[in-house]
Amino acid sequence: MVGQGVVAIRMAIRRLRQHLCRFPLGEHQGVRELSRDGGYRALCEVTPDTGRNETAGNVLIPRVFGCGQERSTL
């Protein structure tokens, strides 16, 4: 059975198609953080990250962190 946090992070990742620059920049350079209920956090790289949904490029999700996981390294 999949937890609610996992479902929420999947839904947020799907929404990236329309809103690439919706989520704030994270602690790693060039990485945006999608935080969801349950403490889950997905890191995403938008290349190029123009700050505008209309002109932003491709998205890569290098890592998803669970609640309480150390996020100092990708």
PDB file of N, CA and C in Angstrom:
ATOM      1  N   MET A   1       0.836  -1.175   0.000  1.00  0.00           N
ATOM      2  CA  MET A   1       0.000   0.000   0.000  1.00  0.00           C
ATOM      3  C   MET A   1       0.887   1.248   0.000  1.00  0.00           C
ATOM      4  N   VAL A   2       0.577   2.196  -0.838  1.00  0.00           N
ATOM      5  CA  VAL A   2       1.349   3.429  -0.972  1.00  0.00           C
ATOM      6  C   VAL A   2       0.816   4.463   0.009  1.00  0.00           C
ATOM      7  N   GLY A   3       1.735   5.114   0.750  1.00  0.00           N
ATOM      8  CA  GLY A   3       1.351   6.123   1.725  1.00  0.00           C
ATOM      9  C   GLY A   3       0.882   7.412   1.073  1.00  0.00           C
ATOM     10  N   GLN A   4       0.177   8.234   1.846  1.00  0.00           N
ATOM     11  CA  GLN A   4      -0.345   9.501   1.333  1.00  0.00           C
ATOM     12  C   GLN A   4       0.767  10.444   0.907  1.00  0.00           C
ATOM     13  N   GLY A   5       1.898  10.435   1.634  1.00  0.00           N
ATOM     14  CA  GLY A   5       3.019  11.294   1.265  1.00  0.00           C
ATOM     15  C   GLY A   5       3.569  10.957  -0.104  1.00  0.00           C
ATOM     16  N   VAL A   6       3.649   9.665  -0.407  1.00  0.00           N
ATOM     17  CA  VAL A   6       4.154   9.225  -1.709  1.00  0.00           C
ATOM     18  C   VAL A   6       3.188   9.645  -2.808  1.00  0.00           C
ATOM     19  N   VAL A   7       1.904   9.498  -2.567  1.00  0.00           N
ATOM     20  CA  VAL A   7       0.889   9.911  -3.544  1.00  0.00           C
ATOM     21  C   VAL A   7       0.981  11.418  -3.775  1.00  0.00           C
ATOM     22  N   ALA A   8       1.164  12.197  -2.705  1.00  0.00           N
ATOM     23  CA  ALA A   8       1.254  13.653  -2.830  1.00  0.00           C
ATOM     24  C   ALA A   8       2.470  14.069  -3.633  1.00  0.00           C
ATOM     25  N   ILE A   9       3.595  13.411  -3.432  1.00  0.00           N
ATOM     26  CA  ILE A   9       4.808  13.776  -4.168  1.00  0.00           C
ATOM     27  C   ILE A   9       4.670  13.388  -5.641  1.00  0.00           C
ATOM     28  N   ARG A  10       4.037  12.266  -5.929  1.00  0.00           N
ATOM     29  CA  ARG A  10       3.788  11.877  -7.327  1.00  0.00           C
ATOM     30  C   ARG A  10       2.912  12.903  -8.026  1.00  0.00           C
ATOM     31  N   MET A  11       1.870  13.374  -7.349  1.00  0.00           N
ATOM     32  CA  MET A  11       0.977  14.372  -7.932  1.00  0.00           C
ATOM     33  C   MET A  11       1.728  15.682  -8.191  1.00  0.00           C
ATOM     34  N   ALA A  12       2.595  16.081  -7.255  1.00  0.00           N
ATOM     35  CA  ALA A  12       3.380  17.306  -7.430  1.00  0.00           C
ATOM     36  C   ALA A  12       4.314  17.176  -8.628  1.00  0.00           C
ATOM     37  N   ILE A  13       4.936  16.027  -8.790  1.00  0.00           N
ATOM     38  CA  ILE A  13       5.833  15.808  -9.924  1.00  0.00           C
ATOM     39  C   ILE A  13       5.058  15.877 -11.234  1.00  0.00           C
ATOM     40  N   ARG A  14       3.867  15.324 -11.265  1.00  0.00           N
ATOM     41  CA  ARG A  14       3.034  15.400 -12.485  1.00  0.00           C
ATOM     42  C   ARG A  14       2.677  16.847 -12.821  1.00  0.00           C
ATOM     43  N   ARG A  15       2.427  17.676 -11.795  1.00  0.00           N
ATOM     44  CA  ARG A  15       2.072  19.080 -12.020  1.00  0.00           C
ATOM     45  C   ARG A  15       3.242  19.894 -12.567  1.00  0.00           C
ATOM     46  N   LEU A  16       4.453  19.375 -12.469  1.00  0.00           N
ATOM     47  CA  LEU A  16       5.614  20.078 -13.008  1.00  0.00           C
ATOM     48  C   LEU A  16       5.487  20.350 -14.502  1.00  0.00           C
ATOM     49  N   ARG A  17       4.717  19.551 -15.197  1.00  0.00           N
ATOM     50  CA  ARG A  17       4.548  19.743 -16.643  1.00  0.00           C
ATOM     51  C   ARG A  17       4.009  21.133 -16.963  1.00  0.00           C
ATOM     52  N   GLN A  18       3.103  21.629 -16.135  1.00  0.00           N
ATOM     53  CA  GLN A  18       2.514  22.937 -16.368  1.00  0.00           C
ATOM     54  C   GLN A  18       3.190  24.051 -15.567  1.00  0.00           C
ATOM     55  N   HIS A  19       3.823  23.715 -14.467  1.00  0.00           N
ATOM     56  CA  HIS A  19       4.356  24.726 -13.555  1.00  0.00           C
ATOM     57  C   HIS A  19       5.797  24.404 -13.157  1.00  0.00           C
ATOM     58  N   LEU A  20       6.696  24.444 -14.108  1.00  0.00           N
ATOM     59  CA  LEU A  20       8.087  24.067 -13.858  1.00  0.00           C
ATOM     60  C   LEU A  20       8.755  24.914 -12.779  1.00  0.00           C
ATOM     61  N   CYS A  21       8.416  26.185 -12.723  1.00  0.00           N
ATOM     62  CA  CYS A  21       9.096  27.109 -11.802  1.00  0.00           C
ATOM     63  C   CYS A  21       8.238  27.458 -10.588  1.00  0.00           C
ATOM     64  N   ARG A  22       7.230  26.674 -10.315  1.00  0.00           N
ATOM     65  CA  ARG A  22       6.316  26.942  -9.209  1.00  0.00           C
ATOM     66  C   ARG A  22       6.980  26.772  -7.841  1.00  0.00           C
ATOM     67  N   PHE A  23       7.870  25.845  -7.729  1.00  0.00           N
ATOM     68  CA  PHE A  23       8.446  25.492  -6.437  1.00  0.00           C
ATOM     69  C   PHE A  23       9.706  26.308  -6.160  1.00  0.00           C
ATOM     70  N   PRO A  24       9.985  26.595  -4.891  1.00  0.00           N
ATOM     71  CA  PRO A  24      11.118  27.463  -4.546  1.00  0.00           C
ATOM     72  C   PRO A  24      12.466  26.787  -4.744  1.00  0.00           C
ATOM     73  N   LEU A  25      13.481  27.625  -4.914  1.00  0.00           N
ATOM     74  CA  LEU A  25      14.849  27.121  -4.994  1.00  0.00           C
ATOM     75  C   LEU A  25      15.217  26.525  -3.644  1.00  0.00           C
ATOM     76  N   GLY A  26      15.979  25.439  -3.662  1.00  0.00           N
ATOM     77  CA  GLY A  26      16.377  24.748  -2.439  1.00  0.00           C
ATOM     78  C   GLY A  26      17.763  25.132  -1.988  1.00  0.00           C
ATOM     79  N   GLU A  27      18.310  24.333  -1.096  1.00  0.00           N
ATOM     80  CA  GLU A  27      19.625  24.616  -0.540  1.00  0.00           C
ATOM     81  C   GLU A  27      20.770  24.254  -1.485  1.00  0.00           C
ATOM     82  N   HIS A  28      20.505  23.465  -2.512  1.00  0.00           N
ATOM     83  CA  HIS A  28      21.518  23.125  -3.506  1.00  0.00           C
ATOM     84  C   HIS A  28      21.353  24.048  -4.715  1.00  0.00           C
ATOM     85  N   GLN A  29      22.456  24.543  -5.243  1.00  0.00           N
ATOM     86  CA  GLN A  29      22.408  25.462  -6.365  1.00  0.00           C
ATOM     87  C   GLN A  29      21.733  24.833  -7.576  1.00  0.00           C
ATOM     88  N   GLY A  30      20.788  25.557  -8.172  1.00  0.00           N
ATOM     89  CA  GLY A  30      20.106  25.106  -9.373  1.00  0.00           C
ATOM     90  C   GLY A  30      19.059  24.036  -9.150  1.00  0.00           C
ATOM     91  N   VAL A  31      18.670  23.807  -7.896  1.00  0.00           N
ATOM     92  CA  VAL A  31      17.711  22.751  -7.570  1.00  0.00           C
ATOM     93  C   VAL A  31      16.494  23.366  -6.884  1.00  0.00           C
ATOM     94  N   ARG A  32      15.326  22.998  -7.344  1.00  0.00           N
ATOM     95  CA  ARG A  32      14.076  23.416  -6.710  1.00  0.00           C
ATOM     96  C   ARG A  32      13.586  22.277  -5.826  1.00  0.00           C
ATOM     97  N   GLU A  33      12.858  22.619  -4.763  1.00  0.00           N
ATOM     98  CA  GLU A  33      12.369  21.611  -3.818  1.00  0.00           C
ATOM     99  C   GLU A  33      10.849  21.591  -3.786  1.00  0.00           C
ATOM    100  N   LEU A  34      10.318  20.403  -3.974  1.00  0.00           N
ATOM    101  CA  LEU A  34       8.881  20.185  -3.878  1.00  0.00           C
ATOM    102  C   LEU A  34       8.625  19.533  -2.530  1.00  0.00           C
ATOM    103  N   SER A  35       8.062  20.267  -1.608  1.00  0.00           N
ATOM    104  CA  SER A  35       7.776  19.667  -0.303  1.00  0.00           C
ATOM    105  C   SER A  35       6.293  19.324  -0.235  1.00  0.00           C
ATOM    106  N   ARG A  36       6.015  18.177   0.369  1.00  0.00           N
ATOM    107  CA  ARG A  36       4.646  17.685   0.438  1.00  0.00           C
ATOM    108  C   ARG A  36       4.344  17.217   1.843  1.00  0.00           C
ATOM    109  N   ASP A  37       3.072  16.951   2.084  1.00  0.00           N
ATOM    110  CA  ASP A  37       2.622  16.442   3.376  1.00  0.00           C
ATOM    111  C   ASP A  37       3.387  15.182   3.745  1.00  0.00           C
ATOM    112  N   GLY A  38       3.599  14.996   5.011  1.00  0.00           N
ATOM    113  CA  GLY A  38       4.295  13.820   5.485  1.00  0.00           C
ATOM    114  C   GLY A  38       5.805  13.995   5.511  1.00  0.00           C
ATOM    115  N   GLY A  39       6.297  15.191   5.167  1.00  0.00           N
ATOM    116  CA  GLY A  39       7.723  15.451   5.219  1.00  0.00           C
ATOM    117  C   GLY A  39       8.501  15.021   3.989  1.00  0.00           C
ATOM    118  N   TYR A  40       7.816  14.585   2.947  1.00  0.00           N
ATOM    119  CA  TYR A  40       8.504  14.185   1.720  1.00  0.00           C
ATOM    120  C   TYR A  40       8.979  15.417   0.963  1.00  0.00           C
ATOM    121  N   ARG A  41      10.113  15.289   0.300  1.00  0.00           N
ATOM    122  CA  ARG A  41      10.682  16.385  -0.463  1.00  0.00           C
ATOM    123  C   ARG A  41      11.348  15.823  -1.709  1.00  0.00           C
ATOM    124  N   ALA A  42      10.938  16.312  -2.869  1.00  0.00           N
ATOM    125  CA  ALA A  42      11.569  15.914  -4.125  1.00  0.00           C
ATOM    126  C   ALA A  42      12.431  17.071  -4.610  1.00  0.00           C
ATOM    127  N   LEU A  43      13.620  16.769  -5.060  1.00  0.00           N
ATOM    128  CA  LEU A  43      14.501  17.781  -5.622  1.00  0.00           C
ATOM    129  C   LEU A  43      14.391  17.710  -7.131  1.00  0.00           C
ATOM    130  N   CYS A  44      14.287  18.870  -7.777  1.00  0.00           N
ATOM    131  CA  CYS A  44      14.188  18.860  -9.234  1.00  0.00           C
ATOM    132  C   CYS A  44      15.113  19.918  -9.819  1.00  0.00           C
ATOM    133  N   GLU A  45      15.730  19.545 -10.916  1.00  0.00           N
ATOM    134  CA  GLU A  45      16.592  20.445 -11.670  1.00  0.00           C
ATOM    135  C   GLU A  45      15.863  20.809 -12.954  1.00  0.00           C
ATOM    136  N   VAL A  46      15.718  22.098 -13.213  1.00  0.00           N
ATOM    137  CA  VAL A  46      15.091  22.591 -14.435  1.00  0.00           C
ATOM    138  C   VAL A  46      16.197  23.217 -15.278  1.00  0.00           C
ATOM    139  N   THR A  47      16.381  22.712 -16.498  1.00  0.00           N
ATOM    140  CA  THR A  47      17.475  23.190 -17.352  1.00  0.00           C
ATOM    141  C   THR A  47      16.943  23.596 -18.720  1.00  0.00           C
ATOM    142  N   PRO A  48      17.022  24.843 -19.106  1.00  0.00           N
ATOM    143  CA  PRO A  48      17.444  25.979 -18.303  1.00  0.00           C
ATOM    144  C   PRO A  48      16.315  26.430 -17.377  1.00  0.00           C
ATOM    145  N   ASP A  49      16.685  26.929 -16.216  1.00  0.00           N
ATOM    146  CA  ASP A  49      15.720  27.445 -15.243  1.00  0.00           C
ATOM    147  C   ASP A  49      15.650  28.958 -15.428  1.00  0.00           C
ATOM    148  N   THR A  50      14.694  29.379 -16.246  1.00  0.00           N
ATOM    149  CA  THR A  50      14.548  30.800 -16.570  1.00  0.00           C
ATOM    150  C   THR A  50      13.704  31.536 -15.540  1.00  0.00           C
ATOM    151  N   GLY A  51      13.064  30.778 -14.640  1.00  0.00           N
ATOM    152  CA  GLY A  51      12.166  31.403 -13.675  1.00  0.00           C
ATOM    153  C   GLY A  51      10.768  31.630 -14.223  1.00  0.00           C
ATOM    154  N   ARG A  52      10.555  31.244 -15.479  1.00  0.00           N
ATOM    155  CA  ARG A  52       9.237  31.402 -16.113  1.00  0.00           C
ATOM    156  C   ARG A  52       8.798  30.064 -16.679  1.00  0.00           C
ATOM    157  N   ASN A  53       7.573  29.666 -16.358  1.00  0.00           N
ATOM    158  CA  ASN A  53       7.058  28.377 -16.823  1.00  0.00           C
ATOM    159  C   ASN A  53       7.072  28.263 -18.348  1.00  0.00           C
ATOM    160  N   GLU A  54       6.808  29.366 -19.032  1.00  0.00           N
ATOM    161  CA  GLU A  54       6.684  29.344 -20.488  1.00  0.00           C
ATOM    162  C   GLU A  54       8.014  29.082 -21.190  1.00  0.00           C
ATOM    163  N   THR A  55       9.125  29.452 -20.564  1.00  0.00           N
ATOM    164  CA  THR A  55      10.416  29.345 -21.239  1.00  0.00           C
ATOM    165  C   THR A  55      11.391  28.387 -20.558  1.00  0.00           C
ATOM    166  N   ALA A  56      10.990  27.799 -19.441  1.00  0.00           N
ATOM    167  CA  ALA A  56      11.876  26.865 -18.731  1.00  0.00           C
ATOM    168  C   ALA A  56      12.040  25.582 -19.548  1.00  0.00           C
ATOM    169  N   GLY A  57      13.103  24.864 -19.261  1.00  0.00           N
ATOM    170  CA  GLY A  57      13.439  23.684 -20.058  1.00  0.00           C
ATOM    171  C   GLY A  57      13.028  22.366 -19.447  1.00  0.00           C
ATOM    172  N   ASN A  58      13.910  21.387 -19.572  1.00  0.00           N
ATOM    173  CA  ASN A  58      13.655  20.021 -19.127  1.00  0.00           C
ATOM    174  C   ASN A  58      13.792  19.893 -17.610  1.00  0.00           C
ATOM    175  N   VAL A  59      13.124  18.885 -17.059  1.00  0.00           N
ATOM    176  CA  VAL A  59      13.148  18.643 -15.617  1.00  0.00           C
ATOM    177  C   VAL A  59      13.765  17.278 -15.347  1.00  0.00           C
ATOM    178  N   LEU A  60      14.638  17.245 -14.349  1.00  0.00           N
ATOM    179  CA  LEU A  60      15.229  16.006 -13.857  1.00  0.00           C
ATOM    180  C   LEU A  60      14.955  15.936 -12.361  1.00  0.00           C
ATOM    181  N   ILE A  61      14.473  14.796 -11.881  1.00  0.00           N
ATOM    182  CA  ILE A  61      14.238  14.585 -10.451  1.00  0.00           C
ATOM    183  C   ILE A  61      15.365  13.674  -9.959  1.00  0.00           C
ATOM    184  N   PRO A  62      16.460  14.250  -9.423  1.00  0.00           N
ATOM    185  CA  PRO A  62      17.586  13.411  -9.009  1.00  0.00           C
ATOM    186  C   PRO A  62      17.367  12.678  -7.702  1.00  0.00           C
ATOM    187  N   ARG A  63      16.429  13.160  -6.867  1.00  0.00           N
ATOM    188  CA  ARG A  63      16.297  12.539  -5.554  1.00  0.00           C
ATOM    189  C   ARG A  63      14.970  12.894  -4.910  1.00  0.00           C
ATOM    190  N   VAL A  64      14.399  11.939  -4.185  1.00  0.00           N
ATOM    191  CA  VAL A  64      13.229  12.164  -3.332  1.00  0.00           C
ATOM    192  C   VAL A  64      13.620  11.742  -1.928  1.00  0.00           C
ATOM    193  N   PHE A  65      13.401  12.635  -0.981  1.00  0.00           N
ATOM    194  CA  PHE A  65      13.747  12.372   0.415  1.00  0.00           C
ATOM    195  C   PHE A  65      12.491  12.102   1.220  1.00  0.00           C
ATOM    196  N   GLY A  66      12.597  11.173   2.152  1.00  0.00           N
ATOM    197  CA  GLY A  66      11.521  10.899   3.090  1.00  0.00           C
ATOM    198  C   GLY A  66      11.625  11.806   4.302  1.00  0.00           C
ATOM    199  N   CYS A  67      10.660  11.724   5.165  1.00  0.00           N
ATOM    200  CA  CYS A  67      10.610  12.541   6.375  1.00  0.00           C
ATOM    201  C   CYS A  67      11.846  12.292   7.240  1.00  0.00           C
ATOM    202  N   GLY A  68      12.555  13.365   7.575  1.00  0.00           N
ATOM    203  CA  GLY A  68      13.692  13.262   8.467  1.00  0.00           C
ATOM    204  C   GLY A  68      14.998  12.847   7.827  1.00  0.00           C
ATOM    205  N   GLN A  69      15.012  12.558   6.532  1.00  0.00           N
ATOM    206  CA  GLN A  69      16.260  12.156   5.878  1.00  0.00           C
ATOM    207  C   GLN A  69      17.189  13.349   5.722  1.00  0.00           C
ATOM    208  N   GLU A  70      18.473  13.113   5.869  1.00  0.00           N
ATOM    209  CA  GLU A  70      19.507  14.145   5.688  1.00  0.00           C
ATOM    210  C   GLU A  70      19.546  14.554   4.231  1.00  0.00           C
ATOM    211  N   ARG A  71      19.498  15.879   3.967  1.00  0.00           N
ATOM    212  CA  ARG A  71      19.448  16.372   2.589  1.00  0.00           C
ATOM    213  C   ARG A  71      20.708  17.140   2.197  1.00  0.00           C
ATOM    214  N   SER A  72      21.796  16.980   2.916  1.00  0.00           N
ATOM    215  CA  SER A  72      22.980  17.778   2.610  1.00  0.00           C
ATOM    216  C   SER A  72      23.660  17.337   1.306  1.00  0.00           C
ATOM    217  N   THR A  73      23.449  16.106   0.881  1.00  0.00           N
ATOM    218  CA  THR A  73      24.025  15.645  -0.384  1.00  0.00           C
ATOM    219  C   THR A  73      22.933  15.114  -1.292  1.00  0.00           C
ATOM    220  N   LEU A  74      23.164  15.271  -2.585  1.00  0.00           N
ATOM    221  CA  LEU A  74      22.208  14.726  -3.554  1.00  0.00           C
ATOM    222  C   LEU A  74      22.499  13.264  -3.717  1.00  0.00           C
TER     223      LEU A  74
END
